[in-house]
PDB file of N, CA and C in Angstrom:
ATOM      1  N   MET A   1      17.276   0.126 -34.675  1.00  0.00           N
ATOM      2  CA  MET A   1      17.157   0.745 -33.376  1.00  0.00           C
ATOM      3  C   MET A   1      17.897  -0.091 -32.339  1.00  0.00           C
ATOM      4  N   SER A   2      18.664   0.545 -31.549  1.00  0.00           N
ATOM      5  CA  SER A   2      19.368  -0.162 -30.489  1.00  0.00           C
ATOM      6  C   SER A   2      18.657   0.094 -29.165  1.00  0.00           C
ATOM      7  N   ALA A   3      18.584  -0.945 -28.403  1.00  0.00           N
ATOM      8  CA  ALA A   3      17.943  -0.831 -27.088  1.00  0.00           C
ATOM      9  C   ALA A   3      18.925  -0.199 -26.112  1.00  0.00           C
ATOM     10  N   SER A   4      18.454   0.793 -25.382  1.00  0.00           N
ATOM     11  CA  SER A   4      19.324   1.419 -24.394  1.00  0.00           C
ATOM     12  C   SER A   4      19.361   0.556 -23.142  1.00  0.00           C
ATOM     13  N   LYS A   5      20.520   0.458 -22.551  1.00  0.00           N
ATOM     14  CA  LYS A   5      20.674  -0.344 -21.347  1.00  0.00           C
ATOM     15  C   LYS A   5      20.451   0.532 -20.122  1.00  0.00           C
ATOM     16  N   SER A   6      19.773  -0.036 -19.172  1.00  0.00           N
ATOM     17  CA  SER A   6      19.555   0.664 -17.908  1.00  0.00           C
ATOM     18  C   SER A   6      20.730   0.406 -16.988  1.00  0.00           C
ATOM     19  N   SER A   7      21.046   1.413 -16.213  1.00  0.00           N
ATOM     20  CA  SER A   7      22.108   1.230 -15.228  1.00  0.00           C
ATOM     21  C   SER A   7      21.584   0.366 -14.090  1.00  0.00           C
ATOM     22  N   PRO A   8      22.466  -0.304 -13.371  1.00  0.00           N
ATOM     23  CA  PRO A   8      22.019  -1.116 -12.226  1.00  0.00           C
ATOM     24  C   PRO A   8      21.288  -0.286 -11.163  1.00  0.00           C
ATOM     25  N   ALA A   9      21.706   0.955 -10.983  1.00  0.00           N
ATOM     26  CA  ALA A   9      21.038   1.808  -9.995  1.00  0.00           C
ATOM     27  C   ALA A   9      19.610   2.115 -10.426  1.00  0.00           C
ATOM     28  N   ARG A  10      19.423   2.384 -11.704  1.00  0.00           N
ATOM     29  CA  ARG A  10      18.077   2.670 -12.217  1.00  0.00           C
ATOM     30  C   ARG A  10      17.180   1.442 -12.087  1.00  0.00           C
ATOM     31  N   THR A  11      17.732   0.274 -12.361  1.00  0.00           N
ATOM     32  CA  THR A  11      16.965  -0.965 -12.218  1.00  0.00           C
ATOM     33  C   THR A  11      16.590  -1.201 -10.759  1.00  0.00           C
ATOM     34  N   ALA A  12      17.515  -0.953  -9.856  1.00  0.00           N
ATOM     35  CA  ALA A  12      17.234  -1.133  -8.428  1.00  0.00           C
ATOM     36  C   ALA A  12      16.140  -0.178  -7.959  1.00  0.00           C
ATOM     37  N   VAL A  13      16.191   1.066  -8.421  1.00  0.00           N
ATOM     38  CA  VAL A  13      15.163   2.036  -8.041  1.00  0.00           C
ATOM     39  C   VAL A  13      13.810   1.605  -8.604  1.00  0.00           C
ATOM     40  N   THR A  14      13.795   1.099  -9.825  1.00  0.00           N
ATOM     41  CA  THR A  14      12.548   0.639 -10.436  1.00  0.00           C
ATOM     42  C   THR A  14      11.966  -0.540  -9.661  1.00  0.00           C
ATOM     43  N   VAL A  15      12.802  -1.476  -9.264  1.00  0.00           N
ATOM     44  CA  VAL A  15      12.324  -2.621  -8.479  1.00  0.00           C
ATOM     45  C   VAL A  15      11.782  -2.146  -7.136  1.00  0.00           C
ATOM     46  N   LEU A  16      12.470  -1.224  -6.488  1.00  0.00           N
ATOM     47  CA  LEU A  16      11.992  -0.678  -5.217  1.00  0.00           C
ATOM     48  C   LEU A  16      10.644   0.017  -5.397  1.00  0.00           C
ATOM     49  N   MET A  17      10.496   0.761  -6.481  1.00  0.00           N
ATOM     50  CA  MET A  17       9.225   1.421  -6.765  1.00  0.00           C
ATOM     51  C   MET A  17       8.105   0.398  -6.950  1.00  0.00           C
ATOM     52  N   ASP A  18       8.398  -0.689  -7.646  1.00  0.00           N
ATOM     53  CA  ASP A  18       7.398  -1.741  -7.854  1.00  0.00           C
ATOM     54  C   ASP A  18       6.992  -2.386  -6.533  1.00  0.00           C
ATOM     55  N   VAL A  19       7.960  -2.611  -5.662  1.00  0.00           N
ATOM     56  CA  VAL A  19       7.662  -3.198  -4.351  1.00  0.00           C
ATOM     57  C   VAL A  19       6.792  -2.245  -3.527  1.00  0.00           C
ATOM     58  N   LEU A  20       7.099  -0.959  -3.567  1.00  0.00           N
ATOM     59  CA  LEU A  20       6.303   0.018  -2.819  1.00  0.00           C
ATOM     60  C   LEU A  20       4.864   0.051  -3.315  1.00  0.00           C
ATOM     61  N   VAL A  21       4.670  -0.039  -4.620  1.00  0.00           N
ATOM     62  CA  VAL A  21       3.310  -0.044  -5.163  1.00  0.00           C
ATOM     63  C   VAL A  21       2.575  -1.310  -4.727  1.00  0.00           C
ATOM     64  N   ALA A  22       3.249  -2.448  -4.741  1.00  0.00           N
ATOM     65  CA  ALA A  22       2.616  -3.699  -4.315  1.00  0.00           C
ATOM     66  C   ALA A  22       2.205  -3.630  -2.840  1.00  0.00           C
ATOM     67  N   VAL A  23       3.056  -3.064  -1.999  1.00  0.00           N
ATOM     68  CA  VAL A  23       2.729  -2.927  -0.579  1.00  0.00           C
ATOM     69  C   VAL A  23       1.575  -1.932  -0.398  1.00  0.00           C
ATOM     70  N   ALA A  24       1.549  -0.874  -1.197  1.00  0.00           N
ATOM     71  CA  ALA A  24       0.451   0.094  -1.128  1.00  0.00           C
ATOM     72  C   ALA A  24      -0.867  -0.551  -1.541  1.00  0.00           C
ATOM     73  N   VAL A  25      -0.833  -1.429  -2.523  1.00  0.00           N
ATOM     74  CA  VAL A  25      -2.050  -2.145  -2.931  1.00  0.00           C
ATOM     75  C   VAL A  25      -2.533  -3.053  -1.802  1.00  0.00           C
ATOM     76  N   ALA A  26      -1.611  -3.695  -1.100  1.00  0.00           N
ATOM     77  CA  ALA A  26      -1.994  -4.541   0.035  1.00  0.00           C
ATOM     78  C   ALA A  26      -2.629  -3.699   1.144  1.00  0.00           C
ATOM     79  N   ALA A  27      -2.069  -2.539   1.422  1.00  0.00           N
ATOM     80  CA  ALA A  27      -2.641  -1.658   2.448  1.00  0.00           C
ATOM     81  C   ALA A  27      -4.011  -1.140   1.999  1.00  0.00           C
ATOM     82  N   LEU A  28      -4.153  -0.862   0.711  1.00  0.00           N
ATOM     83  CA  LEU A  28      -5.445  -0.421   0.189  1.00  0.00           C
ATOM     84  C   LEU A  28      -6.477  -1.534   0.291  1.00  0.00           C
ATOM     85  N   ALA A  29      -6.050  -2.767   0.074  1.00  0.00           N
ATOM     86  CA  ALA A  29      -6.964  -3.902   0.236  1.00  0.00           C
ATOM     87  C   ALA A  29      -7.461  -3.976   1.678  1.00  0.00           C
ATOM     88  N   GLN A  30      -6.574  -3.759   2.638  1.00  0.00           N
ATOM     89  CA  GLN A  30      -6.999  -3.753   4.035  1.00  0.00           C
ATOM     90  C   GLN A  30      -7.992  -2.635   4.286  1.00  0.00           C
ATOM     91  N   LEU A  31      -7.737  -1.478   3.718  1.00  0.00           N
ATOM     92  CA  LEU A  31      -8.617  -0.329   3.901  1.00  0.00           C
ATOM     93  C   LEU A  31     -10.020  -0.630   3.375  1.00  0.00           C
ATOM     94  N   VAL A  32     -10.101  -1.196   2.190  1.00  0.00           N
ATOM     95  CA  VAL A  32     -11.399  -1.484   1.580  1.00  0.00           C
ATOM     96  C   VAL A  32     -12.124  -2.594   2.332  1.00  0.00           C
ATOM     97  N   ILE A  33     -11.416  -3.655   2.676  1.00  0.00           N
ATOM     98  CA  ILE A  33     -12.067  -4.784   3.339  1.00  0.00           C
ATOM     99  C   ILE A  33     -12.537  -4.403   4.736  1.00  0.00           C
ATOM    100  N   SER A  34     -11.748  -3.642   5.463  1.00  0.00           N
ATOM    101  CA  SER A  34     -12.183  -3.251   6.808  1.00  0.00           C
ATOM    102  C   SER A  34     -13.297  -2.210   6.760  1.00  0.00           C
ATOM    103  N   PHE A  35     -13.419  -1.478   5.650  1.00  0.00           N
ATOM    104  CA  PHE A  35     -14.464  -0.481   5.504  1.00  0.00           C
ATOM    105  C   PHE A  35     -15.846  -1.133   5.491  1.00  0.00           C
ATOM    106  N   PHE A  36     -15.925  -2.303   4.887  1.00  0.00           N
ATOM    107  CA  PHE A  36     -17.187  -3.030   4.808  1.00  0.00           C
ATOM    108  C   PHE A  36     -17.146  -4.191   5.794  1.00  0.00           C
ATOM    109  N   GLY A  37     -17.978  -4.124   6.820  1.00  0.00           N
ATOM    110  CA  GLY A  37     -17.970  -5.125   7.874  1.00  0.00           C
ATOM    111  C   GLY A  37     -18.247  -6.536   7.385  1.00  0.00           C
ATOM    112  N   VAL A  38     -19.104  -6.669   6.367  1.00  0.00           N
ATOM    113  CA  VAL A  38     -19.425  -7.996   5.849  1.00  0.00           C
ATOM    114  C   VAL A  38     -18.191  -8.639   5.236  1.00  0.00           C
ATOM    115  N   MET A  39     -17.403  -7.852   4.528  1.00  0.00           N
ATOM    116  CA  MET A  39     -16.190  -8.389   3.913  1.00  0.00           C
ATOM    117  C   MET A  39     -15.156  -8.757   4.969  1.00  0.00           C
ATOM    118  N   SER A  40     -15.043  -7.944   5.990  1.00  0.00           N
ATOM    119  CA  SER A  40     -14.024  -8.208   7.008  1.00  0.00           C
ATOM    120  C   SER A  40     -14.395  -9.359   7.939  1.00  0.00           C
ATOM    121  N   SER A  41     -15.657  -9.746   7.940  1.00  0.00           N
ATOM    122  CA  SER A  41     -16.051 -10.878   8.773  1.00  0.00           C
ATOM    123  C   SER A  41     -16.122 -12.186   7.991  1.00  0.00           C
ATOM    124  N   ALA A  42     -15.975 -12.125   6.689  1.00  0.00           N
ATOM    125  CA  ALA A  42     -15.944 -13.342   5.868  1.00  0.00           C
ATOM    126  C   ALA A  42     -14.613 -14.063   6.108  1.00  0.00           C
ATOM    127  N   PRO A  43     -14.593 -15.375   5.947  1.00  0.00           N
ATOM    128  CA  PRO A  43     -13.341 -16.108   6.188  1.00  0.00           C
ATOM    129  C   PRO A  43     -12.162 -15.615   5.343  1.00  0.00           C
ATOM    130  N   TRP A  44     -12.399 -15.313   4.074  1.00  0.00           N
ATOM    131  CA  TRP A  44     -11.317 -14.823   3.224  1.00  0.00           C
ATOM    132  C   TRP A  44     -10.900 -13.413   3.638  1.00  0.00           C
ATOM    133  N   GLY A  45     -11.850 -12.626   4.132  1.00  0.00           N
ATOM    134  CA  GLY A  45     -11.534 -11.284   4.607  1.00  0.00           C
ATOM    135  C   GLY A  45     -10.685 -11.311   5.857  1.00  0.00           C
ATOM    136  N   ILE A  46     -11.014 -12.225   6.743  1.00  0.00           N
ATOM    137  CA  ILE A  46     -10.222 -12.382   7.973  1.00  0.00           C
ATOM    138  C   ILE A  46      -8.793 -12.790   7.626  1.00  0.00           C
ATOM    139  N   SER A  47      -8.667 -13.728   6.686  1.00  0.00           N
ATOM    140  CA  SER A  47      -7.321 -14.171   6.274  1.00  0.00           C
ATOM    141  C   SER A  47      -6.536 -13.037   5.644  1.00  0.00           C
ATOM    142  N   LEU A  48      -7.191 -12.274   4.780  1.00  0.00           N
ATOM    143  CA  LEU A  48      -6.489 -11.174   4.116  1.00  0.00           C
ATOM    144  C   LEU A  48      -6.096 -10.087   5.106  1.00  0.00           C
ATOM    145  N   LEU A  49      -6.975  -9.772   6.047  1.00  0.00           N
ATOM    146  CA  LEU A  49      -6.642  -8.763   7.058  1.00  0.00           C
ATOM    147  C   LEU A  49      -5.494  -9.222   7.944  1.00  0.00           C
ATOM    148  N   ARG A  50      -5.439 -10.518   8.207  1.00  0.00           N
ATOM    149  CA  ARG A  50      -4.352 -11.068   9.023  1.00  0.00           C
ATOM    150  C   ARG A  50      -3.003 -10.876   8.321  1.00  0.00           C
ATOM    151  N   VAL A  51      -2.993 -10.989   7.003  1.00  0.00           N
ATOM    152  CA  VAL A  51      -1.749 -10.837   6.240  1.00  0.00           C
ATOM    153  C   VAL A  51      -1.396  -9.364   6.049  1.00  0.00           C
ATOM    154  N   THR A  52      -2.384  -8.550   5.720  1.00  0.00           N
ATOM    155  CA  THR A  52      -2.103  -7.151   5.379  1.00  0.00           C
ATOM    156  C   THR A  52      -1.791  -6.284   6.592  1.00  0.00           C
ATOM    157  N   ARG A  53      -2.084  -6.752   7.780  1.00  0.00           N
ATOM    158  CA  ARG A  53      -1.787  -5.923   8.962  1.00  0.00           C
ATOM    159  C   ARG A  53      -0.285  -5.700   9.143  1.00  0.00           C
ATOM    160  N   TYR A  54       0.532  -6.536   8.503  1.00  0.00           N
ATOM    161  CA  TYR A  54       1.985  -6.386   8.614  1.00  0.00           C
ATOM    162  C   TYR A  54       2.530  -5.260   7.748  1.00  0.00           C
ATOM    163  N   VAL A  55       1.759  -4.771   6.799  1.00  0.00           N
ATOM    164  CA  VAL A  55       2.260  -3.716   5.917  1.00  0.00           C
ATOM    165  C   VAL A  55       1.733  -2.336   6.305  1.00  0.00           C
ATOM    166  N   VAL A  56       0.830  -2.273   7.268  1.00  0.00           N
ATOM    167  CA  VAL A  56       0.239  -0.992   7.674  1.00  0.00           C
ATOM    168  C   VAL A  56       1.046  -0.403   8.822  1.00  0.00           C
ATOM    169  N   LEU A  57       1.369   0.874   8.695  1.00  0.00           N
ATOM    170  CA  LEU A  57       2.128   1.565   9.735  1.00  0.00           C
ATOM    171  C   LEU A  57       1.302   1.677  11.020  1.00  0.00           C
ATOM    172  N   PRO A  58       1.875   1.363  12.171  1.00  0.00           N
ATOM    173  CA  PRO A  58       1.137   1.478  13.441  1.00  0.00           C
ATOM    174  C   PRO A  58       1.177   2.921  13.958  1.00  0.00           C
ATOM    175  N   LEU A  59       0.271   3.732  13.475  1.00  0.00           N
ATOM    176  CA  LEU A  59       0.273   5.155  13.824  1.00  0.00           C
ATOM    177  C   LEU A  59      -0.671   5.493  14.971  1.00  0.00           C
ATOM    178  N   ALA A  60      -1.376   4.531  15.482  1.00  0.00           N
ATOM    179  CA  ALA A  60      -2.298   4.705  16.616  1.00  0.00           C
ATOM    180  C   ALA A  60      -3.429   5.675  16.303  1.00  0.00           C
ATOM    181  N   LEU A  61      -3.860   5.720  15.044  1.00  0.00           N
ATOM    182  CA  LEU A  61      -5.031   6.523  14.686  1.00  0.00           C
ATOM    183  C   LEU A  61      -6.281   5.724  15.035  1.00  0.00           C
ATOM    184  N   ALA A  62      -7.240   6.387  15.616  1.00  0.00           N
ATOM    185  CA  ALA A  62      -8.469   5.705  16.032  1.00  0.00           C
ATOM    186  C   ALA A  62      -9.303   5.343  14.804  1.00  0.00           C
ATOM    187  N   PRO A  63      -9.832   4.121  14.775  1.00  0.00           N
ATOM    188  CA  PRO A  63     -10.699   3.745  13.656  1.00  0.00           C
ATOM    189  C   PRO A  63     -12.024   4.502  13.722  1.00  0.00           C
ATOM    190  N   ILE A  64     -12.597   4.764  12.576  1.00  0.00           N
ATOM    191  CA  ILE A  64     -13.861   5.492  12.479  1.00  0.00           C
ATOM    192  C   ILE A  64     -14.918   4.514  11.976  1.00  0.00           C
ATOM    193  N   ALA A  65     -16.024   4.417  12.691  1.00  0.00           N
ATOM    194  CA  ALA A  65     -17.103   3.515  12.295  1.00  0.00           C
ATOM    195  C   ALA A  65     -17.725   3.984  10.986  1.00  0.00           C
ATOM    196  N   THR A  66     -18.056   3.027  10.132  1.00  0.00           N
ATOM    197  CA  THR A  66     -18.691   3.337   8.854  1.00  0.00           C
ATOM    198  C   THR A  66     -20.155   2.903   8.902  1.00  0.00           C
ATOM    199  N   PRO A  67     -20.974   3.420   8.001  1.00  0.00           N
ATOM    200  CA  PRO A  67     -22.375   2.981   7.967  1.00  0.00           C
ATOM    201  C   PRO A  67     -22.544   1.571   7.398  1.00  0.00           C
ATOM    202  N   TYR A  68     -21.438   0.930   7.047  1.00  0.00           N
ATOM    203  CA  TYR A  68     -21.483  -0.410   6.463  1.00  0.00           C
ATOM    204  C   TYR A  68     -21.012  -1.469   7.462  1.00  0.00           C
ATOM    205  N   ALA A  69     -21.116  -1.177   8.734  1.00  0.00           N
ATOM    206  CA  ALA A  69     -20.753  -2.080   9.830  1.00  0.00           C
ATOM    207  C   ALA A  69     -19.267  -2.396   9.849  1.00  0.00           C
ATOM    208  N   GLY A  70     -18.459  -1.515   9.308  1.00  0.00           N
ATOM    209  CA  GLY A  70     -17.016  -1.694   9.320  1.00  0.00           C
ATOM    210  C   GLY A  70     -16.338  -0.499   9.954  1.00  0.00           C
ATOM    211  N   ILE A  71     -15.052  -0.348   9.644  1.00  0.00           N
ATOM    212  CA  ILE A  71     -14.291   0.789  10.159  1.00  0.00           C
ATOM    213  C   ILE A  71     -13.468   1.403   9.031  1.00  0.00           C
ATOM    214  N   PHE A  72     -13.236   2.703   9.143  1.00  0.00           N
ATOM    215  CA  PHE A  72     -12.279   3.360   8.266  1.00  0.00           C
ATOM    216  C   PHE A  72     -10.944   3.323   8.989  1.00  0.00           C
ATOM    217  N   ASP A  73      -9.989   2.627   8.417  1.00  0.00           N
ATOM    218  CA  ASP A  73      -8.674   2.450   9.032  1.00  0.00           C
ATOM    219  C   ASP A  73      -7.760   3.591   8.582  1.00  0.00           C
ATOM    220  N   GLY A  74      -7.634   4.591   9.429  1.00  0.00           N
ATOM    221  CA  GLY A  74      -6.782   5.734   9.110  1.00  0.00           C
ATOM    222  C   GLY A  74      -5.321   5.349   8.973  1.00  0.00           C
ATOM    223  N   ASN A  75      -4.883   4.355   9.734  1.00  0.00           N
ATOM    224  CA  ASN A  75      -3.496   3.890   9.619  1.00  0.00           C
ATOM    225  C   ASN A  75      -3.218   3.361   8.219  1.00  0.00           C
ATOM    226  N   ALA A  76      -4.161   2.598   7.668  1.00  0.00           N
ATOM    227  CA  ALA A  76      -3.984   2.066   6.316  1.00  0.00           C
ATOM    228  C   ALA A  76      -4.016   3.187   5.286  1.00  0.00           C
ATOM    229  N   ALA A  77      -4.890   4.158   5.483  1.00  0.00           N
ATOM    230  CA  ALA A  77      -4.983   5.272   4.537  1.00  0.00           C
ATOM    231  C   ALA A  77      -3.688   6.088   4.512  1.00  0.00           C
ATOM    232  N   VAL A  78      -3.152   6.376   5.685  1.00  0.00           N
ATOM    233  CA  VAL A  78      -1.894   7.134   5.755  1.00  0.00           C
ATOM    234  C   VAL A  78      -0.742   6.312   5.181  1.00  0.00           C
ATOM    235  N   THR A  79      -0.773   5.004   5.402  1.00  0.00           N
ATOM    236  CA  THR A  79       0.262   4.130   4.846  1.00  0.00           C
ATOM    237  C   THR A  79       0.248   4.178   3.324  1.00  0.00           C
ATOM    238  N   VAL A  80      -0.938   4.104   2.735  1.00  0.00           N
ATOM    239  CA  VAL A  80      -1.045   4.175   1.268  1.00  0.00           C
ATOM    240  C   VAL A  80      -0.506   5.505   0.768  1.00  0.00           C
ATOM    241  N   LEU A  81      -0.902   6.593   1.399  1.00  0.00           N
ATOM    242  CA  LEU A  81      -0.429   7.917   0.977  1.00  0.00           C
ATOM    243  C   LEU A  81       1.087   8.036   1.115  1.00  0.00           C
ATOM    244  N   ALA A  82       1.631   7.545   2.214  1.00  0.00           N
ATOM    245  CA  ALA A  82       3.078   7.635   2.427  1.00  0.00           C
ATOM    246  C   ALA A  82       3.841   6.797   1.408  1.00  0.00           C
ATOM    247  N   LEU A  83       3.376   5.579   1.172  1.00  0.00           N
ATOM    248  CA  LEU A  83       4.070   4.713   0.216  1.00  0.00           C
ATOM    249  C   LEU A  83       4.029   5.283  -1.196  1.00  0.00           C
ATOM    250  N   LEU A  84       2.882   5.795  -1.596  1.00  0.00           N
ATOM    251  CA  LEU A  84       2.784   6.362  -2.936  1.00  0.00           C
ATOM    252  C   LEU A  84       3.556   7.673  -3.045  1.00  0.00           C
ATOM    253  N   GLY A  85       3.661   8.411  -1.950  1.00  0.00           N
ATOM    254  CA  GLY A  85       4.489   9.616  -1.958  1.00  0.00           C
ATOM    255  C   GLY A  85       5.963   9.289  -2.130  1.00  0.00           C
ATOM    256  N   VAL A  86       6.425   8.264  -1.425  1.00  0.00           N
ATOM    257  CA  VAL A  86       7.821   7.826  -1.575  1.00  0.00           C
ATOM    258  C   VAL A  86       8.055   7.295  -2.984  1.00  0.00           C
ATOM    259  N   GLU A  87       7.083   6.545  -3.509  1.00  0.00           N
ATOM    260  CA  GLU A  87       7.210   6.012  -4.865  1.00  0.00           C
ATOM    261  C   GLU A  87       7.292   7.138  -5.888  1.00  0.00           C
ATOM    262  N   TRP A  88       6.509   8.185  -5.701  1.00  0.00           N
ATOM    263  CA  TRP A  88       6.534   9.337  -6.602  1.00  0.00           C
ATOM    264  C   TRP A  88       7.898  10.027  -6.533  1.00  0.00           C
ATOM    265  N   ALA A  89       8.422  10.201  -5.326  1.00  0.00           N
ATOM    266  CA  ALA A  89       9.735  10.836  -5.162  1.00  0.00           C
ATOM    267  C   ALA A  89      10.832   9.988  -5.815  1.00  0.00           C
ATOM    268  N   LEU A  90      10.722   8.675  -5.687  1.00  0.00           N
ATOM    269  CA  LEU A  90      11.695   7.806  -6.341  1.00  0.00           C
ATOM    270  C   LEU A  90      11.581   7.904  -7.861  1.00  0.00           C
ATOM    271  N   GLY A  91      10.379   8.094  -8.347  1.00  0.00           N
ATOM    272  CA  GLY A  91      10.196   8.284  -9.791  1.00  0.00           C
ATOM    273  C   GLY A  91      10.893   9.530 -10.281  1.00  0.00           C
ATOM    274  N   LEU A  92      10.841  10.592  -9.486  1.00  0.00           N
ATOM    275  CA  LEU A  92      11.569  11.811  -9.843  1.00  0.00           C
ATOM    276  C   LEU A  92      13.076  11.578  -9.805  1.00  0.00           C
ATOM    277  N   ALA A  93      13.520  10.865  -8.782  1.00  0.00           N
ATOM    278  CA  ALA A  93      14.955  10.603  -8.644  1.00  0.00           C
ATOM    279  C   ALA A  93      15.456   9.665  -9.734  1.00  0.00           C
ATOM    280  N   ARG A  94      14.607   8.755 -10.177  1.00  0.00           N
ATOM    281  CA  ARG A  94      15.005   7.783 -11.187  1.00  0.00           C
ATOM    282  C   ARG A  94      15.347   8.448 -12.521  1.00  0.00           C
ATOM    283  N   ARG A  95      14.753   9.578 -12.772  1.00  0.00           N
ATOM    284  CA  ARG A  95      15.059  10.306 -14.022  1.00  0.00           C
ATOM    285  C   ARG A  95      16.511  10.746 -14.076  1.00  0.00           C
ATOM    286  N   ASN A  96      17.114  10.942 -12.915  1.00  0.00           N
ATOM    287  CA  ASN A  96      18.487  11.411 -12.853  1.00  0.00           C
ATOM    288  C   ASN A  96      19.504  10.293 -12.677  1.00  0.00           C
ATOM    289  N   VAL A  97      19.041   9.061 -12.590  1.00  0.00           N
ATOM    290  CA  VAL A  97      19.951   7.937 -12.372  1.00  0.00           C
ATOM    291  C   VAL A  97      20.319   7.323 -13.699  1.00  0.00           C
TER     292      VAL A  97
END
């Protein structure tokens, strides 16, 4: 069996897809940690929120209070959906590269 070689364009699209998934996971981490107030007030939670705020789109959606003393961050939720939507579209395009 011979291994098929990927074109440089296909490899670049795959790397971009991997980066988008990693950024979506970071935005999802912000969403989960901010949802639970106890997690977001812990020292490690504060540090993680400080880092992940750079990957969330600033859409000016109002936060929604949760029964767990936290907030539902709509900006993070929309960011995750948008990133995974772009990743899915790139997956379709990658089939043709």
